[in-house]
C-alpha atoms as a PDB file:
ATOM      1  CA  MET A   1     -13.525 -45.517  19.960  1.00  0.00           C
ATOM      2  CA  ASN A   2     -15.531 -45.867  22.886  1.00  0.00           C
ATOM      3  CA  ALA A   3     -17.791 -43.254  24.015  1.00  0.00           C
ATOM      4  CA  ASP A   4     -15.498 -41.109  25.909  1.00  0.00           C
ATOM      5  CA  LYS A   5     -13.012 -40.863  23.064  1.00  0.00           C
ATOM      6  CA  ALA A   6     -16.568 -39.632  20.958  1.00  0.00           C
ATOM      7  CA  VAL A   7     -17.488 -36.929  23.153  1.00  0.00           C
ATOM      8  CA  LEU A   8     -14.172 -35.526  23.162  1.00  0.00           C
ATOM      9  CA  MET A   9     -13.508 -35.755  19.382  1.00  0.00           C
ATOM     10  CA  ALA A  10     -16.761 -34.020  19.367  1.00  0.00           C
ATOM     11  CA  GLY A  11     -16.548 -30.947  21.802  1.00  0.00           C
ATOM     12  CA  PHE A  12     -12.707 -30.794  21.044  1.00  0.00           C
ATOM     13  CA  ALA A  13     -13.282 -30.819  17.120  1.00  0.00           C
ATOM     14  CA  ARG A  14      -9.915 -29.339  15.288  1.00  0.00           C
ATOM     15  CA  LEU A  15      -9.782 -25.681  13.709  1.00  0.00           C
ATOM     16  CA  ASP A  16      -9.373 -25.846   9.680  1.00  0.00           C
ATOM     17  CA  VAL A  17      -6.089 -23.432   9.980  1.00  0.00           C
ATOM     18  CA  VAL A  18      -6.204 -22.833   6.292  1.00  0.00           C
ATOM     19  CA  ALA A  19      -9.894 -21.677   6.127  1.00  0.00           C
ATOM     20  CA  LEU A  20      -9.107 -19.873   9.550  1.00  0.00           C
ATOM     21  CA  ALA A  21      -6.416 -17.761   8.133  1.00  0.00           C
ATOM     22  CA  VAL A  22      -8.132 -16.835   5.036  1.00  0.00           C
ATOM     23  CA  ALA A  23     -11.455 -15.582   6.587  1.00  0.00           C
ATOM     24  CA  MET A  24      -9.641 -13.932   9.128  1.00  0.00           C
ATOM     25  CA  GLY A  25      -6.888 -12.262   6.238  1.00  0.00           C
ATOM     26  CA  THR A  26     -10.296 -11.278   4.280  1.00  0.00           C
ATOM     27  CA  VAL A  27     -12.561 -10.289   6.970  1.00  0.00           C
ATOM     28  CA  CYS A  28      -9.004  -7.468   7.176  1.00  0.00           C
ATOM     29  CA  ALA A  29      -8.635  -6.757   3.976  1.00  0.00           C
ATOM     30  CA  ILE A  30     -12.863  -6.014   3.476  1.00  0.00           C
ATOM     31  CA  GLY A  31     -12.757  -3.899   6.929  1.00  0.00           C
ATOM     32  CA  LEU A  32      -9.913  -1.562   5.820  1.00  0.00           C
ATOM     33  CA  PHE A  33     -11.076  -1.098   2.157  1.00  0.00           C
ATOM     34  CA  LEU A  34     -14.699  -0.179   3.504  1.00  0.00           C
ATOM     35  CA  MET A  35     -13.070   2.463   6.448  1.00  0.00           C
ATOM     36  CA  THR A  36     -10.846   4.018   3.544  1.00  0.00           C
ATOM     37  CA  ALA A  37     -13.419   3.962   1.189  1.00  0.00           C
ATOM     38  CA  THR A  38     -16.001   5.735   3.598  1.00  0.00           C
ATOM     39  CA  LEU A  39     -13.092   8.652   4.228  1.00  0.00           C
ATOM     40  CA  LEU A  40     -12.965   9.092   0.871  1.00  0.00           C
ATOM     41  CA  ILE A  41     -16.969   9.458   0.329  1.00  0.00           C
ATOM     42  CA  LYS A  42     -17.671  10.990   2.624  1.00  0.00           C
ATOM     43  CA  GLY A  43     -14.972  13.713   2.172  1.00  0.00           C
ATOM     44  CA  ALA A  44     -13.274  16.287   4.531  1.00  0.00           C
ATOM     45  CA  PRO A  45     -14.702  19.527   5.425  1.00  0.00           C
ATOM     46  CA  PRO A  46     -12.820  22.335   3.299  1.00  0.00           C
ATOM     47  CA  GLY A  47      -9.334  23.338   4.373  1.00  0.00           C
ATOM     48  CA  MET A  48      -8.828  19.355   6.021  1.00  0.00           C
ATOM     49  CA  SER A  49      -6.943  16.548   4.211  1.00  0.00           C
ATOM     50  CA  VAL A  50      -9.179  13.033   4.459  1.00  0.00           C
ATOM     51  CA  GLY A  51      -8.466  10.691   7.257  1.00  0.00           C
ATOM     52  CA  THR A  52      -5.746  11.986   8.451  1.00  0.00           C
ATOM     53  CA  HIS A  53      -5.760   9.532  11.366  1.00  0.00           C
ATOM     54  CA  LEU A  54      -6.730   6.170   9.760  1.00  0.00           C
ATOM     55  CA  GLY A  55      -3.549   7.496   6.921  1.00  0.00           C
ATOM     56  CA  LEU A  56      -1.223   7.014   9.784  1.00  0.00           C
ATOM     57  CA  LEU A  57      -1.238   3.246   8.736  1.00  0.00           C
ATOM     58  CA  GLY A  58       1.224   4.432   6.058  1.00  0.00           C
ATOM     59  CA  ILE A  59       3.994   4.405   8.629  1.00  0.00           C
ATOM     60  CA  TYR A  60       3.711   0.487   9.299  1.00  0.00           C
ATOM     61  CA  LEU A  61       2.208  -0.167   5.914  1.00  0.00           C
ATOM     62  CA  PRO A  62       4.584   1.285   3.003  1.00  0.00           C
ATOM     63  CA  GLY A  63       2.408   2.985   0.129  1.00  0.00           C
ATOM     64  CA  TYR A  64      -0.885   3.055   2.179  1.00  0.00           C
ATOM     65  CA  ASN A  65      -2.653   5.965   2.193  1.00  0.00           C
ATOM     66  CA  VAL A  66      -6.064   7.385   2.202  1.00  0.00           C
ATOM     67  CA  SER A  67      -6.613   7.126  -1.463  1.00  0.00           C
ATOM     68  CA  TRP A  68      -8.364   4.212  -3.802  1.00  0.00           C
ATOM     69  CA  GLY A  69      -5.616   3.507  -5.355  1.00  0.00           C
ATOM     70  CA  GLY A  70      -4.019   3.196  -1.473  1.00  0.00           C
ATOM     71  CA  SER A  71      -7.176   1.155   0.010  1.00  0.00           C
ATOM     72  CA  VAL A  72      -6.012  -2.127  -2.510  1.00  0.00           C
ATOM     73  CA  ILE A  73      -2.631  -1.402  -1.342  1.00  0.00           C
ATOM     74  CA  GLY A  74      -4.006  -1.558   2.161  1.00  0.00           C
ATOM     75  CA  ALA A  75      -6.488  -4.298   1.499  1.00  0.00           C
ATOM     76  CA  ILE A  76      -3.364  -6.520   0.469  1.00  0.00           C
ATOM     77  CA  TYR A  77      -1.420  -5.579   3.198  1.00  0.00           C
ATOM     78  CA  ALA A  78      -4.972  -6.386   5.998  1.00  0.00           C
ATOM     79  CA  TRP A  79      -5.632  -9.772   4.186  1.00  0.00           C
ATOM     80  CA  ILE A  80      -1.553 -10.860   4.584  1.00  0.00           C
ATOM     81  CA  ILE A  81      -1.922  -9.568   8.437  1.00  0.00           C
ATOM     82  CA  GLY A  82      -5.038 -11.455   9.147  1.00  0.00           C
ATOM     83  CA  ALA A  83      -4.204 -14.338   7.794  1.00  0.00           C
ATOM     84  CA  LEU A  84      -1.003 -14.869   9.704  1.00  0.00           C
ATOM     85  CA  ILE A  85      -3.005 -14.097  12.663  1.00  0.00           C
ATOM     86  CA  GLY A  86      -5.585 -16.813  11.745  1.00  0.00           C
ATOM     87  CA  PHE A  87      -3.276 -19.293  11.250  1.00  0.00           C
ATOM     88  CA  VAL A  88      -1.395 -18.679  14.245  1.00  0.00           C
ATOM     89  CA  TRP A  89      -4.628 -18.634  16.307  1.00  0.00           C
ATOM     90  CA  GLY A  90      -5.518 -22.295  14.720  1.00  0.00           C
ATOM     91  CA  VAL A  91      -1.968 -23.508  14.993  1.00  0.00           C
ATOM     92  CA  LEU A  92      -2.568 -22.626  18.728  1.00  0.00           C
ATOM     93  CA  TRP A  93      -6.075 -23.373  19.078  1.00  0.00           C
ATOM     94  CA  ASN A  94      -4.994 -26.831  17.769  1.00  0.00           C
ATOM     95  CA  LEU A  95      -2.480 -27.692  20.230  1.00  0.00           C
ATOM     96  CA  THR A  96      -4.213 -26.551  23.158  1.00  0.00           C
ATOM     97  CA  HIS A  97      -7.308 -29.024  22.845  1.00  0.00           C
ATOM     98  CA  TYR A  98      -4.777 -31.597  21.547  1.00  0.00           C
ATOM     99  CA  LEU A  99      -2.920 -31.105  25.405  1.00  0.00           C
ATOM    100  CA  TYR A 100      -5.964 -30.699  26.872  1.00  0.00           C
ATOM    101  CA  ILE A 101      -7.477 -34.048  25.149  1.00  0.00           C
ATOM    102  CA  ILE A 102      -4.105 -35.980  26.867  1.00  0.00           C
ATOM    103  CA  LEU A 103      -3.908 -34.505  30.220  1.00  0.00           C
ATOM    104  CA  VAL A 104      -8.100 -35.418  30.481  1.00  0.00           C
ATOM    105  CA  VAL A 105      -7.461 -38.860  28.961  1.00  0.00           C
ATOM    106  CA  VAL A 106      -4.100 -39.597  31.676  1.00  0.00           C
ATOM    107  CA  ARG A 107      -6.265 -38.430  34.536  1.00  0.00           C
ATOM    108  CA  ALA A 108      -8.786 -40.609  33.502  1.00  0.00           C
ATOM    109  CA  HIS A 109      -6.014 -43.620  33.469  1.00  0.00           C
ATOM    110  CA  TRP A 110      -4.912 -42.848  37.037  1.00  0.00           C
ATOM    111  CA  TRP A 111      -7.686 -42.681  38.305  1.00  0.00           C
ATOM    112  CA  ARG A 112      -8.891 -45.956  36.789  1.00  0.00           C
ATOM    113  CA  MET A 113      -5.615 -47.260  37.689  1.00  0.00           C
ATOM    114  CA  MET A 114      -6.292 -45.571  41.660  1.00  0.00           C
ATOM    115  CA  GLY A 115      -9.449 -47.133  41.732  1.00  0.00           C
ATOM    116  CA  ASP A 116      -8.124 -50.834  40.484  1.00  0.00           C
END
Protein backbone atom coordinates (compact mmCIF):
# COMPACT_ATOMS: atom_id res chain seq x y z
CA MET A 1 0.00 0.00 0.00
CA ASN A 2 1.47 3.35 -0.95
CA ALA A 3 1.61 6.38 1.34
CA ASP A 4 -1.27 8.18 -0.39
CA LYS A 5 -3.67 5.31 0.18
CA ALA A 6 -2.53 4.95 3.79
CA VAL A 7 -3.24 8.61 4.48
CA LEU A 8 -6.67 8.39 2.84
CA MET A 9 -7.61 5.24 4.75
CA ALA A 10 -6.53 6.76 8.07
CA GLY A 11 -8.28 10.05 7.36
CA PHE A 12 -11.50 8.42 6.25
CA ALA A 13 -11.78 5.45 8.57
CA ARG A 14 -15.05 3.56 8.38
CA LEU A 15 -17.68 3.88 11.09
CA ASP A 16 -18.90 0.70 12.73
CA VAL A 17 -22.56 0.93 11.73
CA VAL A 18 -23.86 -1.51 14.36
CA ALA A 19 -21.94 0.21 17.16
CA LEU A 20 -23.26 3.61 16.08
CA ALA A 21 -26.81 2.26 15.93
CA VAL A 22 -26.59 0.76 19.42
CA ALA A 23 -25.00 3.92 20.84
CA MET A 24 -27.58 6.25 19.29
CA GLY A 25 -30.41 4.01 20.43
CA THR A 26 -29.07 3.89 23.97
CA VAL A 27 -28.59 7.66 24.19
CA CYS A 28 -32.12 8.30 22.88
CA ALA A 29 -33.65 5.72 25.24
CA ILE A 30 -31.85 7.07 28.30
CA GLY A 31 -32.75 10.62 27.30
CA LEU A 32 -36.49 9.97 27.02
CA PHE A 33 -36.51 7.88 30.19
CA LEU A 34 -34.71 10.61 32.15
CA MET A 35 -37.00 13.34 30.80
CA THR A 36 -40.06 11.37 31.86
CA ALA A 37 -38.55 10.45 35.23
CA THR A 38 -37.64 14.08 35.90
CA LEU A 39 -41.21 15.17 35.30
CA LEU A 40 -42.56 12.42 37.52
CA ILE A 41 -40.17 13.21 40.37
CA LYS A 42 -40.69 16.95 40.06
CA GLY A 43 -44.46 16.59 40.03
CA ALA A 44 -46.99 19.21 38.97
CA PRO A 45 -48.75 22.04 40.76
CA PRO A 46 -52.17 21.19 42.17
CA GLY A 47 -54.86 21.04 39.52
CA MET A 48 -52.45 20.43 36.63
CA SER A 49 -51.45 17.19 34.97
CA VAL A 50 -47.84 16.08 34.88
CA GLY A 51 -45.98 16.55 31.60
CA THR A 52 -48.70 17.69 29.24
CA HIS A 53 -46.23 18.55 26.47
CA LEU A 54 -44.11 15.41 26.76
CA GLY A 55 -47.30 13.38 26.97
CA LEU A 56 -48.10 14.40 23.41
CA LEU A 57 -45.48 11.88 22.27
CA GLY A 58 -48.20 9.32 22.96
CA ILE A 59 -49.72 10.38 19.63
CA TYR A 60 -46.68 9.02 17.79
CA LEU A 61 -45.61 6.33 20.26
CA PRO A 62 -48.64 4.16 21.16
CA GLY A 63 -48.63 3.20 24.82
CA TYR A 64 -46.39 6.07 25.93
CA ASN A 65 -47.63 8.40 28.64
CA VAL A 66 -45.98 10.31 31.46
CA SER A 67 -45.82 7.49 34.02
CA TRP A 68 -43.20 5.01 35.15
CA GLY A 69 -44.59 2.31 32.88
CA GLY A 70 -44.87 4.78 30.03
CA SER A 71 -41.25 5.81 30.51
CA VAL A 72 -40.13 2.21 29.90
CA ILE A 73 -42.35 1.90 26.82
CA GLY A 74 -41.08 5.26 25.58
CA ALA A 75 -37.47 4.19 26.17
CA ILE A 76 -38.03 1.10 24.01
CA TYR A 77 -39.52 3.22 21.23
CA ALA A 78 -36.71 5.77 21.56
CA TRP A 79 -34.10 3.01 21.36
CA ILE A 80 -35.60 1.66 18.15
CA ILE A 81 -35.89 5.11 16.56
CA GLY A 82 -32.38 6.09 17.66
CA ALA A 83 -30.93 2.81 16.41
CA LEU A 84 -32.56 3.28 13.01
CA ILE A 85 -31.24 6.84 12.77
CA GLY A 86 -27.76 5.70 13.81
CA PHE A 87 -27.78 2.85 11.31
CA VAL A 88 -28.84 5.07 8.40
CA TRP A 89 -26.38 7.77 9.45
CA GLY A 90 -23.51 5.28 9.62
CA VAL A 91 -24.32 3.72 6.25
CA LEU A 92 -24.58 7.12 4.57
CA TRP A 93 -21.37 8.31 6.26
CA ASN A 94 -19.42 5.29 5.04
CA LEU A 95 -20.93 5.55 1.56
CA THR A 96 -20.08 9.23 1.14
CA HIS A 97 -16.53 8.68 2.35
CA TYR A 98 -16.11 5.73 0.03
CA LEU A 99 -17.33 7.78 -2.94
CA TYR A 100 -15.06 10.68 -1.97
CA ILE A 101 -12.03 8.38 -1.78
CA ILE A 102 -12.87 7.03 -5.24
CA LEU A 103 -13.13 10.60 -6.52
CA VAL A 104 -9.76 11.57 -5.05
CA VAL A 105 -8.04 8.47 -6.46
CA VAL A 106 -9.57 9.00 -9.91
CA ARG A 107 -8.49 12.65 -9.89
CA ALA A 108 -4.97 11.68 -8.84
CA HIS A 109 -4.73 9.17 -11.67
CA TRP A 110 -6.15 11.73 -14.12
CA TRP A 111 -3.59 14.37 -13.18
CA ARG A 112 -0.81 11.80 -13.26
CA MET A 113 -1.88 10.82 -16.80
CA MET A 114 -2.09 14.46 -17.87
CA GLY A 115 1.43 15.08 -16.59
CA ASP A 116 2.92 12.23 -18.60
